[in-house]
Amino acid sequence: MTHAPCTTLPSWPHAYPASGARATLKALNEDFIVTELPLQLPGGTGEHLWLDVEKNGANTAFVAQQLAAAAGVTERDVGYAGLKDRHAITRQWFSIYLPTGKAGETPDLTQLQHPEFKVLAQSRHVKKLRPGDLQGNRFRITLRDVQGEREAIEANLKAVAAQGVPNYFGAQRFGFDGGNVEQGRAMLAREIRVRNPKKKGIYLSAVRSFVFNEVLAQRIAQGLWGRTLPGDVMDEAGRPTGPLWGRGRVSTTDEAQVLENGVAERHATLCSGMEFAGLDQERRALVALPADMAWEWPQADQLVLSFSLPAGNYATSVLDEILHTSEPERHAENEPEAEAP
């Protein structure tokens, strides 16, 4: 059975009862503050110049372009660990390949003047920053115009802090109205040809993430949230995992394998296409557990949340389990939030 075209993402089930509350997200850039948690800090020597950058109202790729121009290098000489929102205040590291022998004296980029970002510090290191080179991200999120019962919101906040949330890939991964999934389906079904390697990667990633979300949604729909199944593959933290589809058999057995294969059969075009495209089977935790989660109510209609998430986990997955959020229309074309490719 093949998968029908998907131009609208399904409404994947939540782990906890809906609070019925609503709030505005990112009314102001300072309502969404993200601090990258690096894998390592620069050692002080090496051919790469690492920059600690705070940006406000700019996306990551734009900042990388500006840094390349300021340093007199090409964009491919600039590295970063993950994309960050444009409509936010975010702090992350960039690296620039800049051997001192080749470029002369090291430029002081902390003197760079730009209205949307500033270089807080710089130091040399022996390697380039690459996608995924981060532990995770620390979030401080201010929700405004909160409407609903505080008791219901508090109940979900406590449940999330204690038990975590479904580790869904966020809607940003799938493009507007799920369009990247449909493009990926058409590409894998050979209905369209995609020559651009970057676009091909985006579509494959969207399709793979969609199938993972479908497996997770199936487990929640069957009342399996917070439970392990016979045959589950556990991660290093002892949490059950779901498939990132690719070549080879799924590593689960028994009931877990039956569930995953059932989802794969419903999306046969996607799964067989990913295998043919050369992706290998991988696993991803089904639960995202926010660390150091705290919250406060500065005003009756204002909730401030803070927590950390590992790389690849989405802050929106945390918010979705607490209350429904909406953003001003100017945020409709956001790039992925604090999520490593």
C-alpha atoms as a PDB file:
ATOM      1  CA  MET A   1       0.000   0.000   0.000  1.00  0.00           C
ATOM      2  CA  THR A   2       1.492   3.345  -1.040  1.00  0.00           C
ATOM      3  CA  HIS A   3       1.295   6.635   0.764  1.00  0.00           C
ATOM      4  CA  ALA A   4      -1.117   9.228  -0.574  1.00  0.00           C
ATOM      5  CA  PRO A   5       0.221  12.737  -1.223  1.00  0.00           C
ATOM      6  CA  CYS A   6       0.658  14.708   1.992  1.00  0.00           C
ATOM      7  CA  THR A   7       0.368  18.461   1.635  1.00  0.00           C
ATOM      8  CA  THR A   8      -1.015  18.999   5.125  1.00  0.00           C
ATOM      9  CA  LEU A   9       0.634  17.467   8.154  1.00  0.00           C
ATOM     10  CA  PRO A  10      -1.575  15.230  10.290  1.00  0.00           C
ATOM     11  CA  SER A  11      -2.523  16.313  13.786  1.00  0.00           C
ATOM     12  CA  TRP A  12      -0.189  14.031  15.718  1.00  0.00           C
ATOM     13  CA  PRO A  13      -1.495  13.131  19.198  1.00  0.00           C
ATOM     14  CA  HIS A  14      -0.213  14.685  22.408  1.00  0.00           C
ATOM     15  CA  ALA A  15       1.051  12.797  25.433  1.00  0.00           C
ATOM     16  CA  TYR A  16      -1.008  14.768  27.951  1.00  0.00           C
ATOM     17  CA  PRO A  17      -4.592  16.075  28.077  1.00  0.00           C
ATOM     18  CA  ALA A  18      -4.971  19.427  26.328  1.00  0.00           C
ATOM     19  CA  SER A  19      -4.965  22.342  28.775  1.00  0.00           C
ATOM     20  CA  GLY A  20      -7.259  24.341  26.506  1.00  0.00           C
ATOM     21  CA  ALA A  21      -5.002  27.376  27.030  1.00  0.00           C
ATOM     22  CA  ARG A  22      -3.598  29.673  24.344  1.00  0.00           C
ATOM     23  CA  ALA A  23      -0.746  32.176  24.160  1.00  0.00           C
ATOM     24  CA  THR A  24       1.270  34.325  21.765  1.00  0.00           C
ATOM     25  CA  LEU A  25       4.812  33.175  20.970  1.00  0.00           C
ATOM     26  CA  LYS A  26       7.567  35.506  19.719  1.00  0.00           C
ATOM     27  CA  ALA A  27       5.577  38.727  19.922  1.00  0.00           C
ATOM     28  CA  LEU A  28       9.035  40.284  20.375  1.00  0.00           C
ATOM     29  CA  ASN A  29      12.481  38.936  19.506  1.00  0.00           C
ATOM     30  CA  GLU A  30      13.417  38.980  23.191  1.00  0.00           C
ATOM     31  CA  ASP A  31      10.535  36.584  23.907  1.00  0.00           C
ATOM     32  CA  PHE A  32      12.601  33.723  22.438  1.00  0.00           C
ATOM     33  CA  ILE A  33      16.163  33.616  23.770  1.00  0.00           C
ATOM     34  CA  VAL A  34      18.382  30.697  22.756  1.00  0.00           C
ATOM     35  CA  THR A  35      21.917  30.017  23.962  1.00  0.00           C
ATOM     36  CA  GLU A  36      23.903  27.307  22.215  1.00  0.00           C
ATOM     37  CA  LEU A  37      25.621  24.752  24.446  1.00  0.00           C
ATOM     38  CA  PRO A  38      28.857  23.898  22.575  1.00  0.00           C
ATOM     39  CA  LEU A  39      30.579  20.536  22.568  1.00  0.00           C
ATOM     40  CA  GLN A  40      33.863  22.282  23.256  1.00  0.00           C
ATOM     41  CA  LEU A  41      35.340  25.754  23.531  1.00  0.00           C
ATOM     42  CA  PRO A  42      38.181  27.057  21.365  1.00  0.00           C
ATOM     43  CA  GLY A  43      41.653  26.176  22.631  1.00  0.00           C
ATOM     44  CA  GLY A  44      43.375  29.425  21.668  1.00  0.00           C
ATOM     45  CA  THR A  45      45.512  28.143  18.772  1.00  0.00           C
ATOM     46  CA  GLY A  46      44.816  26.767  15.304  1.00  0.00           C
ATOM     47  CA  GLU A  47      43.869  27.740  11.746  1.00  0.00           C
ATOM     48  CA  HIS A  48      40.213  28.444  12.536  1.00  0.00           C
ATOM     49  CA  LEU A  49      38.940  31.623  14.174  1.00  0.00           C
ATOM     50  CA  TRP A  50      35.948  30.893  16.421  1.00  0.00           C
ATOM     51  CA  LEU A  51      33.451  33.682  17.115  1.00  0.00           C
ATOM     52  CA  ASP A  52      30.914  33.887  19.935  1.00  0.00           C
ATOM     53  CA  VAL A  53      28.045  35.761  18.256  1.00  0.00           C
ATOM     54  CA  GLU A  54      24.779  37.187  19.569  1.00  0.00           C
ATOM     55  CA  LYS A  55      22.207  37.921  16.878  1.00  0.00           C
ATOM     56  CA  ASN A  56      18.862  39.704  17.033  1.00  0.00           C
ATOM     57  CA  GLY A  57      16.531  39.600  14.036  1.00  0.00           C
ATOM     58  CA  ALA A  58      18.912  37.850  11.643  1.00  0.00           C
ATOM     59  CA  ASN A  59      19.067  34.253  10.481  1.00  0.00           C
ATOM     60  CA  THR A  60      22.163  32.103  10.799  1.00  0.00           C
ATOM     61  CA  ALA A  61      23.006  31.969   7.072  1.00  0.00           C
ATOM     62  CA  PHE A  62      22.865  35.768   6.776  1.00  0.00           C
ATOM     63  CA  VAL A  63      25.267  36.192   9.700  1.00  0.00           C
ATOM     64  CA  ALA A  64      27.616  33.635   8.126  1.00  0.00           C
ATOM     65  CA  GLN A  65      27.603  35.658   4.881  1.00  0.00           C
ATOM     66  CA  GLN A  66      28.405  38.882   6.732  1.00  0.00           C
ATOM     67  CA  LEU A  67      31.236  37.261   8.689  1.00  0.00           C
ATOM     68  CA  ALA A  68      32.726  35.801   5.494  1.00  0.00           C
ATOM     69  CA  ALA A  69      32.685  39.238   3.857  1.00  0.00           C
ATOM     70  CA  ALA A  70      34.246  40.899   6.902  1.00  0.00           C
ATOM     71  CA  ALA A  71      37.035  38.303   7.046  1.00  0.00           C
ATOM     72  CA  GLY A  72      37.608  38.324   3.276  1.00  0.00           C
ATOM     73  CA  VAL A  73      36.850  34.602   2.793  1.00  0.00           C
ATOM     74  CA  THR A  74      34.216  32.586   0.948  1.00  0.00           C
ATOM     75  CA  GLU A  75      31.045  31.402   2.682  1.00  0.00           C
ATOM     76  CA  ARG A  76      32.220  27.784   2.610  1.00  0.00           C
ATOM     77  CA  ASP A  77      35.064  28.812   4.938  1.00  0.00           C
ATOM     78  CA  VAL A  78      32.503  29.702   7.632  1.00  0.00           C
ATOM     79  CA  GLY A  79      31.081  26.960   9.861  1.00  0.00           C
ATOM     80  CA  TYR A  80      28.366  26.731  12.497  1.00  0.00           C
ATOM     81  CA  ALA A  81      26.792  23.925  14.488  1.00  0.00           C
ATOM     82  CA  GLY A  82      23.098  24.589  13.946  1.00  0.00           C
ATOM     83  CA  LEU A  83      20.467  26.945  12.588  1.00  0.00           C
ATOM     84  CA  LYS A  84      18.806  29.414  14.918  1.00  0.00           C
ATOM     85  CA  ASP A  85      15.604  31.413  14.544  1.00  0.00           C
ATOM     86  CA  ARG A  86      15.607  34.784  12.894  1.00  0.00           C
ATOM     87  CA  HIS A  87      12.889  36.285  15.113  1.00  0.00           C
ATOM     88  CA  ALA A  88      14.724  35.686  18.381  1.00  0.00           C
ATOM     89  CA  ILE A  89      17.794  36.674  20.338  1.00  0.00           C
ATOM     90  CA  THR A  90      20.263  33.825  19.975  1.00  0.00           C
ATOM     91  CA  ARG A  91      23.849  33.185  20.930  1.00  0.00           C
ATOM     92  CA  GLN A  92      25.954  30.704  18.974  1.00  0.00           C
ATOM     93  CA  TRP A  93      29.473  29.976  17.765  1.00  0.00           C
ATOM     94  CA  PHE A  94      30.772  30.432  14.214  1.00  0.00           C
ATOM     95  CA  SER A  95      34.171  29.393  12.848  1.00  0.00           C
ATOM     96  CA  ILE A  96      36.179  30.924  10.001  1.00  0.00           C
ATOM     97  CA  TYR A  97      39.044  29.151   8.261  1.00  0.00           C
ATOM     98  CA  LEU A  98      41.718  31.819   8.519  1.00  0.00           C
ATOM     99  CA  PRO A  99      45.336  30.578   8.704  1.00  0.00           C
ATOM    100  CA  THR A 100      47.548  33.382  10.000  1.00  0.00           C
ATOM    101  CA  GLY A 101      50.227  32.687   7.411  1.00  0.00           C
ATOM    102  CA  LYS A 102      47.739  33.063   4.586  1.00  0.00           C
ATOM    103  CA  ALA A 103      45.691  36.020   5.808  1.00  0.00           C
ATOM    104  CA  GLY A 104      48.308  37.946   7.771  1.00  0.00           C
ATOM    105  CA  GLU A 105      47.238  39.373  11.104  1.00  0.00           C
ATOM    106  CA  THR A 106      44.028  38.088  12.640  1.00  0.00           C
ATOM    107  CA  PRO A 107      41.219  40.635  12.151  1.00  0.00           C
ATOM    108  CA  ASP A 108      39.450  41.797  15.302  1.00  0.00           C
ATOM    109  CA  LEU A 109      35.870  40.968  14.387  1.00  0.00           C
ATOM    110  CA  THR A 110      34.611  42.051  17.818  1.00  0.00           C
ATOM    111  CA  GLN A 111      34.836  45.554  16.330  1.00  0.00           C
ATOM    112  CA  LEU A 112      32.388  44.655  13.553  1.00  0.00           C
ATOM    113  CA  GLN A 113      29.345  46.940  13.657  1.00  0.00           C
ATOM    114  CA  HIS A 114      25.983  45.540  12.526  1.00  0.00           C
ATOM    115  CA  PRO A 115      22.447  46.321  13.764  1.00  0.00           C
ATOM    116  CA  GLU A 116      21.392  42.643  13.855  1.00  0.00           C
ATOM    117  CA  PHE A 117      24.389  40.891  15.426  1.00  0.00           C
ATOM    118  CA  LYS A 118      27.558  41.436  17.410  1.00  0.00           C
ATOM    119  CA  VAL A 119      30.704  39.382  17.963  1.00  0.00           C
ATOM    120  CA  LEU A 120      31.118  39.013  21.719  1.00  0.00           C
ATOM    121  CA  ALA A 121      34.485  37.246  21.688  1.00  0.00           C
ATOM    122  CA  GLN A 122      36.897  35.446  19.369  1.00  0.00           C
ATOM    123  CA  SER A 123      39.594  32.821  19.780  1.00  0.00           C
ATOM    124  CA  ARG A 124      41.471  30.365  17.608  1.00  0.00           C
ATOM    125  CA  HIS A 125      40.885  26.623  17.391  1.00  0.00           C
ATOM    126  CA  VAL A 126      42.214  23.610  15.484  1.00  0.00           C
ATOM    127  CA  LYS A 127      38.970  22.562  13.742  1.00  0.00           C
ATOM    128  CA  LYS A 128      35.999  23.916  11.842  1.00  0.00           C
ATOM    129  CA  LEU A 129      32.523  23.945  13.359  1.00  0.00           C
ATOM    130  CA  ARG A 130      30.228  21.525  11.531  1.00  0.00           C
ATOM    131  CA  PRO A 131      26.477  20.856  11.698  1.00  0.00           C
ATOM    132  CA  GLY A 132      25.647  18.958  14.866  1.00  0.00           C
ATOM    133  CA  ASP A 133      28.759  20.046  16.794  1.00  0.00           C
ATOM    134  CA  LEU A 134      26.790  21.070  19.880  1.00  0.00           C
ATOM    135  CA  GLN A 135      25.464  19.521  23.071  1.00  0.00           C
ATOM    136  CA  GLY A 136      22.151  21.301  22.817  1.00  0.00           C
ATOM    137  CA  ASN A 137      20.470  24.626  23.478  1.00  0.00           C
ATOM    138  CA  ARG A 138      19.230  26.583  26.468  1.00  0.00           C
ATOM    139  CA  PHE A 139      15.878  28.342  25.990  1.00  0.00           C
ATOM    140  CA  ARG A 140      14.172  31.218  27.788  1.00  0.00           C
ATOM    141  CA  ILE A 141      10.702  31.698  26.308  1.00  0.00           C
ATOM    142  CA  THR A 142       8.188  34.384  27.221  1.00  0.00           C
ATOM    143  CA  LEU A 143       4.567  33.585  26.340  1.00  0.00           C
ATOM    144  CA  ARG A 144       2.223  36.578  26.224  1.00  0.00           C
ATOM    145  CA  ASP A 145      -1.555  36.996  26.213  1.00  0.00           C
ATOM    146  CA  VAL A 146      -1.987  33.670  28.013  1.00  0.00           C
ATOM    147  CA  GLN A 147      -5.651  32.663  28.108  1.00  0.00           C
ATOM    148  CA  GLY A 148      -6.947  29.626  29.962  1.00  0.00           C
ATOM    149  CA  GLU A 149      -6.973  27.985  33.354  1.00  0.00           C
ATOM    150  CA  ARG A 150      -3.649  28.327  35.153  1.00  0.00           C
ATOM    151  CA  GLU A 151      -4.337  25.101  37.063  1.00  0.00           C
ATOM    152  CA  ALA A 152      -4.509  23.107  33.803  1.00  0.00           C
ATOM    153  CA  ILE A 153      -1.368  24.789  32.476  1.00  0.00           C
ATOM    154  CA  GLU A 154       0.497  24.066  35.706  1.00  0.00           C
ATOM    155  CA  ALA A 155      -0.561  20.408  35.595  1.00  0.00           C
ATOM    156  CA  ASN A 156       0.965  20.020  32.133  1.00  0.00           C
ATOM    157  CA  LEU A 157       4.092  21.952  33.109  1.00  0.00           C
ATOM    158  CA  LYS A 158       4.686  19.554  35.985  1.00  0.00           C
ATOM    159  CA  ALA A 159       4.019  16.496  33.786  1.00  0.00           C
ATOM    160  CA  VAL A 160       6.459  17.730  31.126  1.00  0.00           C
ATOM    161  CA  ALA A 161       9.170  18.482  33.710  1.00  0.00           C
ATOM    162  CA  ALA A 162       8.796  15.016  35.254  1.00  0.00           C
ATOM    163  CA  GLN A 163       8.180  12.777  32.226  1.00  0.00           C
ATOM    164  CA  GLY A 164       9.331  14.711  29.163  1.00  0.00           C
ATOM    165  CA  VAL A 165       7.511  15.139  25.855  1.00  0.00           C
ATOM    166  CA  PRO A 166       7.139  13.190  22.605  1.00  0.00           C
ATOM    167  CA  ASN A 167      10.328  13.812  20.650  1.00  0.00           C
ATOM    168  CA  TYR A 168       8.505  14.823  17.482  1.00  0.00           C
ATOM    169  CA  PHE A 169      10.356  16.595  14.721  1.00  0.00           C
ATOM    170  CA  GLY A 170       8.949  20.126  14.619  1.00  0.00           C
ATOM    171  CA  ALA A 171       6.772  21.493  11.821  1.00  0.00           C
ATOM    172  CA  GLN A 172       9.744  23.569  10.588  1.00  0.00           C
ATOM    173  CA  ARG A 173      11.352  20.336   9.343  1.00  0.00           C
ATOM    174  CA  PHE A 174       8.473  19.731   6.919  1.00  0.00           C
ATOM    175  CA  GLY A 175       8.175  23.088   5.174  1.00  0.00           C
ATOM    176  CA  PHE A 176       5.054  25.205   4.773  1.00  0.00           C
ATOM    177  CA  ASP A 177       1.925  23.061   5.057  1.00  0.00           C
ATOM    178  CA  GLY A 178       4.067  19.904   4.892  1.00  0.00           C
ATOM    179  CA  GLY A 179       5.255  20.778   1.401  1.00  0.00           C
ATOM    180  CA  ASN A 180       8.725  19.261   1.833  1.00  0.00           C
ATOM    181  CA  VAL A 181       7.137  15.876   2.594  1.00  0.00           C
ATOM    182  CA  GLU A 182       5.067  16.003  -0.583  1.00  0.00           C
ATOM    183  CA  GLN A 183       8.079  17.069  -2.645  1.00  0.00           C
ATOM    184  CA  GLY A 184      10.067  14.241  -1.094  1.00  0.00           C
ATOM    185  CA  ARG A 185       7.306  11.740  -1.839  1.00  0.00           C
ATOM    186  CA  ALA A 186       7.146  12.878  -5.452  1.00  0.00           C
ATOM    187  CA  MET A 187      10.932  12.691  -5.742  1.00  0.00           C
ATOM    188  CA  LEU A 188      11.102   9.171  -4.291  1.00  0.00           C
ATOM    189  CA  ALA A 189       8.192   8.064  -6.499  1.00  0.00           C
ATOM    190  CA  ARG A 190      10.159   9.463  -9.486  1.00  0.00           C
ATOM    191  CA  GLU A 191       7.366  11.841 -10.357  1.00  0.00           C
ATOM    192  CA  ILE A 192       9.828  14.739 -10.243  1.00  0.00           C
ATOM    193  CA  ARG A 193      13.603  15.028 -10.567  1.00  0.00           C
ATOM    194  CA  VAL A 194      15.506  17.057  -8.018  1.00  0.00           C
ATOM    195  CA  ARG A 195      18.974  18.000  -9.211  1.00  0.00           C
ATOM    196  CA  ASN A 196      19.926  20.400  -6.419  1.00  0.00           C
ATOM    197  CA  PRO A 197      21.771  18.328  -3.748  1.00  0.00           C
ATOM    198  CA  LYS A 198      20.744  20.690  -0.954  1.00  0.00           C
ATOM    199  CA  LYS A 199      17.049  20.478  -1.869  1.00  0.00           C
ATOM    200  CA  LYS A 200      17.310  16.722  -2.208  1.00  0.00           C
ATOM    201  CA  GLY A 201      18.767  16.527   1.303  1.00  0.00           C
ATOM    202  CA  ILE A 202      15.993  18.723   2.700  1.00  0.00           C
ATOM    203  CA  TYR A 203      13.291  16.538   1.116  1.00  0.00           C
ATOM    204  CA  LEU A 204      14.892  13.283   2.304  1.00  0.00           C
ATOM    205  CA  SER A 205      15.208  14.696   5.810  1.00  0.00           C
ATOM    206  CA  ALA A 206      11.545  15.752   5.795  1.00  0.00           C
ATOM    207  CA  VAL A 207      10.355  12.331   4.654  1.00  0.00           C
ATOM    208  CA  ARG A 208      12.510  10.511   7.180  1.00  0.00           C
ATOM    209  CA  SER A 209      11.307  12.776   9.990  1.00  0.00           C
ATOM    210  CA  PHE A 210       7.682  12.290   8.902  1.00  0.00           C
ATOM    211  CA  VAL A 211       7.929   8.496   9.187  1.00  0.00           C
ATOM    212  CA  PHE A 212       9.548   8.796  12.625  1.00  0.00           C
ATOM    213  CA  ASN A 213       6.721  11.054  13.783  1.00  0.00           C
ATOM    214  CA  GLU A 214       4.181   8.574  12.441  1.00  0.00           C
ATOM    215  CA  VAL A 215       5.738   5.766  14.502  1.00  0.00           C
ATOM    216  CA  LEU A 216       5.737   7.935  17.630  1.00  0.00           C
ATOM    217  CA  ALA A 217       2.140   9.040  16.989  1.00  0.00           C
ATOM    218  CA  GLN A 218       1.057   5.413  16.578  1.00  0.00           C
ATOM    219  CA  ARG A 219       2.527   4.510  19.952  1.00  0.00           C
ATOM    220  CA  ILE A 220       0.788   7.418  21.678  1.00  0.00           C
ATOM    221  CA  ALA A 221      -2.508   6.618  19.949  1.00  0.00           C
ATOM    222  CA  GLN A 222      -2.243   3.048  21.271  1.00  0.00           C
ATOM    223  CA  GLY A 223      -1.768   4.313  24.832  1.00  0.00           C
ATOM    224  CA  LEU A 224       1.931   3.469  24.927  1.00  0.00           C
ATOM    225  CA  TRP A 225       3.270   6.871  26.013  1.00  0.00           C
ATOM    226  CA  GLY A 226       5.757   6.434  28.830  1.00  0.00           C
ATOM    227  CA  ARG A 227       5.918   2.672  28.276  1.00  0.00           C
ATOM    228  CA  THR A 228       8.355   0.316  26.625  1.00  0.00           C
ATOM    229  CA  LEU A 229       7.293  -2.453  24.279  1.00  0.00           C
ATOM    230  CA  PRO A 230       8.736  -5.965  24.030  1.00  0.00           C
ATOM    231  CA  GLY A 231      11.487  -5.717  21.439  1.00  0.00           C
ATOM    232  CA  ASP A 232      12.216  -2.009  21.893  1.00  0.00           C
ATOM    233  CA  VAL A 233      15.734  -0.735  21.192  1.00  0.00           C
ATOM    234  CA  MET A 234      16.851   1.502  24.059  1.00  0.00           C
ATOM    235  CA  ASP A 235      19.262   4.430  23.893  1.00  0.00           C
ATOM    236  CA  GLU A 236      22.165   5.089  26.266  1.00  0.00           C
ATOM    237  CA  ALA A 237      19.804   6.772  28.727  1.00  0.00           C
ATOM    238  CA  GLY A 238      17.519   3.729  28.778  1.00  0.00           C
ATOM    239  CA  ARG A 239      14.746   5.323  26.708  1.00  0.00           C
ATOM    240  CA  PRO A 240      12.951   3.563  23.834  1.00  0.00           C
ATOM    241  CA  THR A 241      13.853   4.716  20.334  1.00  0.00           C
ATOM    242  CA  GLY A 242      12.090   5.000  16.997  1.00  0.00           C
ATOM    243  CA  PRO A 243      13.387   4.437  13.461  1.00  0.00           C
ATOM    244  CA  LEU A 244      15.082   6.933  11.204  1.00  0.00           C
ATOM    245  CA  TRP A 245      14.352   4.908   8.099  1.00  0.00           C
ATOM    246  CA  GLY A 246      16.984   3.562   5.723  1.00  0.00           C
ATOM    247  CA  ARG A 247      18.597   0.435   4.366  1.00  0.00           C
ATOM    248  CA  GLY A 248      18.601  -2.753   6.411  1.00  0.00           C
ATOM    249  CA  ARG A 249      16.146  -4.322   8.805  1.00  0.00           C
ATOM    250  CA  VAL A 250      14.755  -2.389  11.719  1.00  0.00           C
ATOM    251  CA  SER A 251      16.666  -3.404  14.836  1.00  0.00           C
ATOM    252  CA  THR A 252      13.575  -3.836  16.979  1.00  0.00           C
ATOM    253  CA  THR A 253      11.949  -7.245  17.545  1.00  0.00           C
ATOM    254  CA  ASP A 254       8.607  -8.598  18.756  1.00  0.00           C
ATOM    255  CA  GLU A 255       5.789  -6.063  19.304  1.00  0.00           C
ATOM    256  CA  ALA A 256       7.946  -3.013  18.638  1.00  0.00           C
ATOM    257  CA  GLN A 257       9.001  -4.373  15.254  1.00  0.00           C
ATOM    258  CA  VAL A 258       5.409  -5.189  14.314  1.00  0.00           C
ATOM    259  CA  LEU A 259       4.364  -1.610  15.072  1.00  0.00           C
ATOM    260  CA  GLU A 260       7.246  -0.052  13.116  1.00  0.00           C
ATOM    261  CA  ASN A 261       6.815  -2.338  10.120  1.00  0.00           C
ATOM    262  CA  GLY A 262       3.097  -1.568  10.111  1.00  0.00           C
ATOM    263  CA  VAL A 263       3.835   2.146   9.774  1.00  0.00           C
ATOM    264  CA  ALA A 264       6.392   1.396   7.045  1.00  0.00           C
ATOM    265  CA  GLU A 265       3.813  -0.589   5.073  1.00  0.00           C
ATOM    266  CA  ARG A 266       1.397   2.356   5.200  1.00  0.00           C
ATOM    267  CA  HIS A 267       4.155   4.579   3.821  1.00  0.00           C
ATOM    268  CA  ALA A 268       5.787   2.085   1.483  1.00  0.00           C
ATOM    269  CA  THR A 269       6.696   4.632  -1.198  1.00  0.00           C
ATOM    270  CA  LEU A 270       8.541   6.749   1.340  1.00  0.00           C
ATOM    271  CA  CYS A 271      10.362   3.915   3.103  1.00  0.00           C
ATOM    272  CA  SER A 272      11.424   1.993   0.014  1.00  0.00           C
ATOM    273  CA  GLY A 273      12.487   5.261  -1.595  1.00  0.00           C
ATOM    274  CA  MET A 274      14.688   6.156   1.362  1.00  0.00           C
ATOM    275  CA  GLU A 275      16.345   2.745   1.204  1.00  0.00           C
ATOM    276  CA  PHE A 276      16.978   3.175  -2.521  1.00  0.00           C
ATOM    277  CA  ALA A 277      18.375   6.674  -1.871  1.00  0.00           C
ATOM    278  CA  GLY A 278      21.114   5.093   0.254  1.00  0.00           C
ATOM    279  CA  LEU A 279      20.085   6.157   3.754  1.00  0.00           C
ATOM    280  CA  ASP A 280      21.035   3.719   6.514  1.00  0.00           C
ATOM    281  CA  GLN A 281      18.811   2.744   9.436  1.00  0.00           C
ATOM    282  CA  GLU A 282      19.374   4.903  12.519  1.00  0.00           C
ATOM    283  CA  ARG A 283      17.512   5.412  15.793  1.00  0.00           C
ATOM    284  CA  ARG A 284      16.178   8.452  17.688  1.00  0.00           C
ATOM    285  CA  ALA A 285      14.833   8.688  21.229  1.00  0.00           C
ATOM    286  CA  LEU A 286      11.034   8.763  21.399  1.00  0.00           C
ATOM    287  CA  VAL A 287      11.126  10.978  24.511  1.00  0.00           C
ATOM    288  CA  ALA A 288      12.676  14.442  24.856  1.00  0.00           C
ATOM    289  CA  LEU A 289      13.349  15.360  28.471  1.00  0.00           C
ATOM    290  CA  PRO A 290      13.903  19.081  29.145  1.00  0.00           C
ATOM    291  CA  ALA A 291      16.685  19.685  31.669  1.00  0.00           C
ATOM    292  CA  ASP A 292      16.611  22.300  34.438  1.00  0.00           C
ATOM    293  CA  MET A 293      13.032  23.251  33.585  1.00  0.00           C
ATOM    294  CA  ALA A 294      11.577  26.195  35.487  1.00  0.00           C
ATOM    295  CA  TRP A 295       8.730  28.668  35.013  1.00  0.00           C
ATOM    296  CA  GLU A 296       7.249  31.797  36.502  1.00  0.00           C
ATOM    297  CA  TRP A 297       4.258  34.099  36.021  1.00  0.00           C
ATOM    298  CA  PRO A 298       5.512  37.725  35.955  1.00  0.00           C
ATOM    299  CA  GLN A 299       1.935  38.756  35.145  1.00  0.00           C
ATOM    300  CA  ALA A 300      -1.412  36.974  35.137  1.00  0.00           C
ATOM    301  CA  ASP A 301      -1.312  36.631  31.341  1.00  0.00           C
ATOM    302  CA  GLN A 302       2.440  36.098  30.956  1.00  0.00           C
ATOM    303  CA  LEU A 303       4.363  32.830  31.407  1.00  0.00           C
ATOM    304  CA  VAL A 304       8.164  32.599  31.254  1.00  0.00           C
ATOM    305  CA  LEU A 305       9.729  29.161  30.682  1.00  0.00           C
ATOM    306  CA  SER A 306      13.371  28.125  30.784  1.00  0.00           C
ATOM    307  CA  PHE A 307      14.869  24.724  29.959  1.00  0.00           C
ATOM    308  CA  SER A 308      17.636  22.996  28.021  1.00  0.00           C
ATOM    309  CA  LEU A 309      17.291  20.410  25.254  1.00  0.00           C
ATOM    310  CA  PRO A 310      19.834  18.152  23.530  1.00  0.00           C
ATOM    311  CA  ALA A 311      20.792  18.871  19.927  1.00  0.00           C
ATOM    312  CA  GLY A 312      18.083  17.861  17.478  1.00  0.00           C
ATOM    313  CA  ASN A 313      15.210  18.311  19.956  1.00  0.00           C
ATOM    314  CA  TYR A 314      12.570  20.987  19.402  1.00  0.00           C
ATOM    315  CA  ALA A 315      11.371  23.605  21.879  1.00  0.00           C
ATOM    316  CA  THR A 316       8.025  23.598  20.058  1.00  0.00           C
ATOM    317  CA  SER A 317       7.516  19.965  21.142  1.00  0.00           C
ATOM    318  CA  VAL A 318       7.717  21.178  24.754  1.00  0.00           C
ATOM    319  CA  LEU A 319       5.337  24.083  24.212  1.00  0.00           C
ATOM    320  CA  ASP A 320       2.802  21.965  22.315  1.00  0.00           C
ATOM    321  CA  GLU A 321       2.285  19.769  25.379  1.00  0.00           C
ATOM    322  CA  ILE A 322       1.569  22.767  27.611  1.00  0.00           C
ATOM    323  CA  LEU A 323      -0.720  25.035  25.592  1.00  0.00           C
ATOM    324  CA  HIS A 324      -1.521  26.147  22.059  1.00  0.00           C
ATOM    325  CA  THR A 325       0.724  28.916  20.736  1.00  0.00           C
ATOM    326  CA  SER A 326       0.409  31.198  17.732  1.00  0.00           C
ATOM    327  CA  GLU A 327       2.931  33.588  16.232  1.00  0.00           C
ATOM    328  CA  PRO A 328       2.573  36.909  14.438  1.00  0.00           C
ATOM    329  CA  GLU A 329       2.258  36.460  10.669  1.00  0.00           C
ATOM    330  CA  ARG A 330       5.720  37.886  10.048  1.00  0.00           C
ATOM    331  CA  HIS A 331       7.148  34.630  11.459  1.00  0.00           C
ATOM    332  CA  ALA A 332       5.504  32.401   8.845  1.00  0.00           C
ATOM    333  CA  GLU A 333       8.789  31.760   7.000  1.00  0.00           C
ATOM    334  CA  ASN A 334      10.949  30.968  10.047  1.00  0.00           C
ATOM    335  CA  GLU A 335      13.944  28.745   9.590  1.00  0.00           C
ATOM    336  CA  PRO A 336      14.317  25.790  11.978  1.00  0.00           C
ATOM    337  CA  GLU A 337      14.603  26.776  15.627  1.00  0.00           C
ATOM    338  CA  ALA A 338      17.679  25.690  17.476  1.00  0.00           C
ATOM    339  CA  GLU A 339      17.837  22.387  15.795  1.00  0.00           C
ATOM    340  CA  ALA A 340      20.940  20.716  14.470  1.00  0.00           C
ATOM    341  CA  PRO A 341      20.654  19.193  10.993  1.00  0.00           C
END
